Amino acid sequence: MQGLKKSMDKQRFESEEEENKNKILPDMAKKLIAAGVGAAFLTEEAIRVYLHDMKVPKDVLAKLLDGANNSKKELIDRVGDEVVSIIKKIDFVEEASRFVENHKFRVSAEIEVVKKKD
């Protein structure tokens, strides 16, 4: 009877341990994925702080940071390309002409003539 009880306790312990692993791994994966996705908007230090409590191996952290830097560069390049393409479409002479046609200019000036001291 004692042996059966030890066997059942051992099985229960192993199943609880397996459940804990199953909970930890998805949580860790979720956190790593979230860090990877949000990495383009976070600083390197912010990513390190975010993942600090997970005890991520240095090589994994280095890969994540490298990926974050590449994502940032790609995002900046794409946004820059879009801004340039939008600016290229603007006819500044036409826009300035339209502005001048729809606005009145008022200039005020004050002139004072002062004799030089010898």
C-alpha atoms as a PDB file:
ATOM      1  CA  MET A   1       0.000   0.000   0.000  1.00  0.00           C
ATOM      2  CA  GLN A   2       2.855   2.341   0.871  1.00  0.00           C
ATOM      3  CA  GLY A   3       4.486   1.687  -2.536  1.00  0.00           C
ATOM      4  CA  LEU A   4       1.217   2.451  -4.350  1.00  0.00           C
ATOM      5  CA  LYS A   5       0.871   5.736  -2.473  1.00  0.00           C
ATOM      6  CA  LYS A   6       4.462   6.745  -3.350  1.00  0.00           C
ATOM      7  CA  SER A   7       3.814   5.865  -6.991  1.00  0.00           C
ATOM      8  CA  MET A   8       0.628   7.968  -7.056  1.00  0.00           C
ATOM      9  CA  ASP A   9       2.385  10.889  -5.348  1.00  0.00           C
ATOM     10  CA  LYS A  10       5.201  10.654  -7.863  1.00  0.00           C
ATOM     11  CA  GLN A  11       2.754  10.631 -10.792  1.00  0.00           C
ATOM     12  CA  ARG A  12       0.857  13.587  -9.359  1.00  0.00           C
ATOM     13  CA  PHE A  13       4.123  15.495  -8.824  1.00  0.00           C
ATOM     14  CA  GLU A  14       5.248  14.729 -12.395  1.00  0.00           C
ATOM     15  CA  SER A  15       1.897  15.783 -13.850  1.00  0.00           C
ATOM     16  CA  GLU A  16       1.965  19.043 -11.837  1.00  0.00           C
ATOM     17  CA  GLU A  17       5.523  19.642 -13.001  1.00  0.00           C
ATOM     18  CA  GLU A  18       4.466  19.040 -16.623  1.00  0.00           C
ATOM     19  CA  GLU A  19       1.523  21.438 -16.227  1.00  0.00           C
ATOM     20  CA  ASN A  20       3.862  24.102 -14.850  1.00  0.00           C
ATOM     21  CA  LYS A  21       6.198  23.611 -17.829  1.00  0.00           C
ATOM     22  CA  ASN A  22       3.258  23.900 -20.193  1.00  0.00           C
ATOM     23  CA  LYS A  23       2.245  27.173 -18.544  1.00  0.00           C
ATOM     24  CA  ILE A  24       5.762  28.618 -18.436  1.00  0.00           C
ATOM     25  CA  LEU A  25       6.678  27.878 -22.049  1.00  0.00           C
ATOM     26  CA  PRO A  26       3.649  29.546 -23.610  1.00  0.00           C
ATOM     27  CA  ASP A  27       4.077  32.547 -21.303  1.00  0.00           C
ATOM     28  CA  MET A  28       7.751  32.766 -22.237  1.00  0.00           C
ATOM     29  CA  ALA A  29       6.927  32.370 -25.928  1.00  0.00           C
ATOM     30  CA  LYS A  30       4.232  35.042 -25.683  1.00  0.00           C
ATOM     31  CA  LYS A  31       6.605  37.430 -23.986  1.00  0.00           C
ATOM     32  CA  LEU A  32       9.383  36.780 -26.528  1.00  0.00           C
ATOM     33  CA  ILE A  33       6.973  37.250 -29.440  1.00  0.00           C
ATOM     34  CA  ALA A  34       5.593  40.435 -27.906  1.00  0.00           C
ATOM     35  CA  ALA A  35       9.124  41.732 -27.406  1.00  0.00           C
ATOM     36  CA  GLY A  36      10.005  40.847 -30.986  1.00  0.00           C
ATOM     37  CA  VAL A  37       6.933  42.540 -32.435  1.00  0.00           C
ATOM     38  CA  GLY A  38       7.237  45.616 -30.257  1.00  0.00           C
ATOM     39  CA  ALA A  39      10.999  45.791 -30.630  1.00  0.00           C
ATOM     40  CA  ALA A  40      10.788  48.252 -33.497  1.00  0.00           C
ATOM     41  CA  PHE A  41       9.237  50.751 -31.098  1.00  0.00           C
ATOM     42  CA  LEU A  42      11.405  50.068 -28.041  1.00  0.00           C
ATOM     43  CA  THR A  43      14.952  51.020 -27.194  1.00  0.00           C
ATOM     44  CA  GLU A  44      17.526  48.307 -26.659  1.00  0.00           C
ATOM     45  CA  GLU A  45      17.552  49.052 -22.936  1.00  0.00           C
ATOM     46  CA  ALA A  46      13.753  48.833 -22.744  1.00  0.00           C
ATOM     47  CA  ILE A  47      13.863  45.393 -24.372  1.00  0.00           C
ATOM     48  CA  ARG A  48      16.516  44.255 -21.895  1.00  0.00           C
ATOM     49  CA  VAL A  49      14.412  45.467 -18.956  1.00  0.00           C
ATOM     50  CA  TYR A  50      11.272  43.852 -20.409  1.00  0.00           C
ATOM     51  CA  LEU A  51      12.996  40.458 -20.731  1.00  0.00           C
ATOM     52  CA  HIS A  52      15.148  40.738 -17.596  1.00  0.00           C
ATOM     53  CA  ASP A  53      12.989  38.553 -15.358  1.00  0.00           C
ATOM     54  CA  MET A  54      12.817  35.776 -17.981  1.00  0.00           C
ATOM     55  CA  LYS A  55      16.523  34.885 -17.743  1.00  0.00           C
ATOM     56  CA  VAL A  56      16.811  34.771 -21.537  1.00  0.00           C
ATOM     57  CA  PRO A  57      20.122  33.322 -22.760  1.00  0.00           C
ATOM     58  CA  LYS A  58      22.534  35.944 -24.062  1.00  0.00           C
ATOM     59  CA  ASP A  59      22.583  34.532 -27.589  1.00  0.00           C
ATOM     60  CA  VAL A  60      18.769  34.647 -27.796  1.00  0.00           C
ATOM     61  CA  LEU A  61      18.766  38.193 -26.421  1.00  0.00           C
ATOM     62  CA  ALA A  62      21.453  39.201 -28.928  1.00  0.00           C
ATOM     63  CA  LYS A  63      19.406  37.745 -31.809  1.00  0.00           C
ATOM     64  CA  LEU A  64      16.288  39.526 -30.552  1.00  0.00           C
ATOM     65  CA  LEU A  65      18.125  42.859 -30.260  1.00  0.00           C
ATOM     66  CA  ASP A  66      19.676  42.395 -33.703  1.00  0.00           C
ATOM     67  CA  GLY A  67      16.248  41.663 -35.144  1.00  0.00           C
ATOM     68  CA  ALA A  68      14.862  44.729 -33.362  1.00  0.00           C
ATOM     69  CA  ASN A  69      17.538  46.945 -34.856  1.00  0.00           C
ATOM     70  CA  ASN A  70      16.904  45.527 -38.323  1.00  0.00           C
ATOM     71  CA  SER A  71      13.158  46.070 -37.876  1.00  0.00           C
ATOM     72  CA  LYS A  72      13.732  49.679 -36.829  1.00  0.00           C
ATOM     73  CA  LYS A  73      15.961  50.329 -39.830  1.00  0.00           C
ATOM     74  CA  GLU A  74      13.461  48.749 -42.216  1.00  0.00           C
ATOM     75  CA  LEU A  75      10.569  50.699 -40.688  1.00  0.00           C
ATOM     76  CA  ILE A  76      12.469  53.981 -40.920  1.00  0.00           C
ATOM     77  CA  ASP A  77      13.471  53.245 -44.520  1.00  0.00           C
ATOM     78  CA  ARG A  78       9.892  52.459 -45.527  1.00  0.00           C
ATOM     79  CA  VAL A  79       8.439  55.504 -43.782  1.00  0.00           C
ATOM     80  CA  GLY A  80      11.168  57.664 -45.316  1.00  0.00           C
ATOM     81  CA  ASP A  81      10.430  56.292 -48.790  1.00  0.00           C
ATOM     82  CA  GLU A  82       6.721  57.000 -48.338  1.00  0.00           C
ATOM     83  CA  VAL A  83       7.359  60.563 -47.170  1.00  0.00           C
ATOM     84  CA  VAL A  84       9.682  61.186 -50.125  1.00  0.00           C
ATOM     85  CA  SER A  85       7.120  59.808 -52.594  1.00  0.00           C
ATOM     86  CA  ILE A  86       4.410  62.066 -51.130  1.00  0.00           C
ATOM     87  CA  ILE A  87       6.663  65.129 -51.221  1.00  0.00           C
ATOM     88  CA  LYS A  88       7.625  64.403 -54.848  1.00  0.00           C
ATOM     89  CA  LYS A  89       3.947  64.581 -55.798  1.00  0.00           C
ATOM     90  CA  ILE A  90       3.526  68.100 -54.381  1.00  0.00           C
ATOM     91  CA  ASP A  91       3.834  70.966 -56.866  1.00  0.00           C
ATOM     92  CA  PHE A  92       5.198  73.671 -54.572  1.00  0.00           C
ATOM     93  CA  VAL A  93       4.897  76.446 -57.179  1.00  0.00           C
ATOM     94  CA  GLU A  94       1.213  75.644 -57.682  1.00  0.00           C
ATOM     95  CA  GLU A  95       0.603  75.451 -53.939  1.00  0.00           C
ATOM     96  CA  ALA A  96       2.380  78.780 -53.364  1.00  0.00           C
ATOM     97  CA  SER A  97       0.380  80.383 -56.193  1.00  0.00           C
ATOM     98  CA  ARG A  98      -2.888  79.137 -54.713  1.00  0.00           C
ATOM     99  CA  PHE A  99      -1.851  80.481 -51.292  1.00  0.00           C
ATOM    100  CA  VAL A 100      -1.014  83.913 -52.742  1.00  0.00           C
ATOM    101  CA  GLU A 101      -4.310  84.053 -54.656  1.00  0.00           C
ATOM    102  CA  ASN A 102      -6.332  83.350 -51.525  1.00  0.00           C
ATOM    103  CA  HIS A 103      -4.484  85.602 -49.092  1.00  0.00           C
ATOM    104  CA  LYS A 104      -3.870  89.298 -48.756  1.00  0.00           C
ATOM    105  CA  PHE A 105      -0.478  90.515 -47.589  1.00  0.00           C
ATOM    106  CA  ARG A 106      -0.096  93.441 -45.226  1.00  0.00           C
ATOM    107  CA  VAL A 107       3.354  94.891 -44.649  1.00  0.00           C
ATOM    108  CA  SER A 108       4.049  97.430 -41.917  1.00  0.00           C
ATOM    109  CA  ALA A 109       7.371  99.147 -41.639  1.00  0.00           C
ATOM    110  CA  GLU A 110       8.897 101.874 -39.555  1.00  0.00           C
ATOM    111  CA  ILE A 111      11.953 103.702 -40.835  1.00  0.00           C
ATOM    112  CA  GLU A 112      14.048 106.043 -38.755  1.00  0.00           C
ATOM    113  CA  VAL A 113      16.965 108.014 -40.103  1.00  0.00           C
ATOM    114  CA  VAL A 114      19.561 108.924 -37.513  1.00  0.00           C
ATOM    115  CA  LYS A 115      22.557 111.184 -38.045  1.00  0.00           C
ATOM    116  CA  LYS A 116      25.950 109.563 -37.601  1.00  0.00           C
ATOM    117  CA  LYS A 117      28.119 110.694 -34.746  1.00  0.00           C
ATOM    118  CA  ASP A 118      31.534 111.961 -35.929  1.00  0.00           C
END
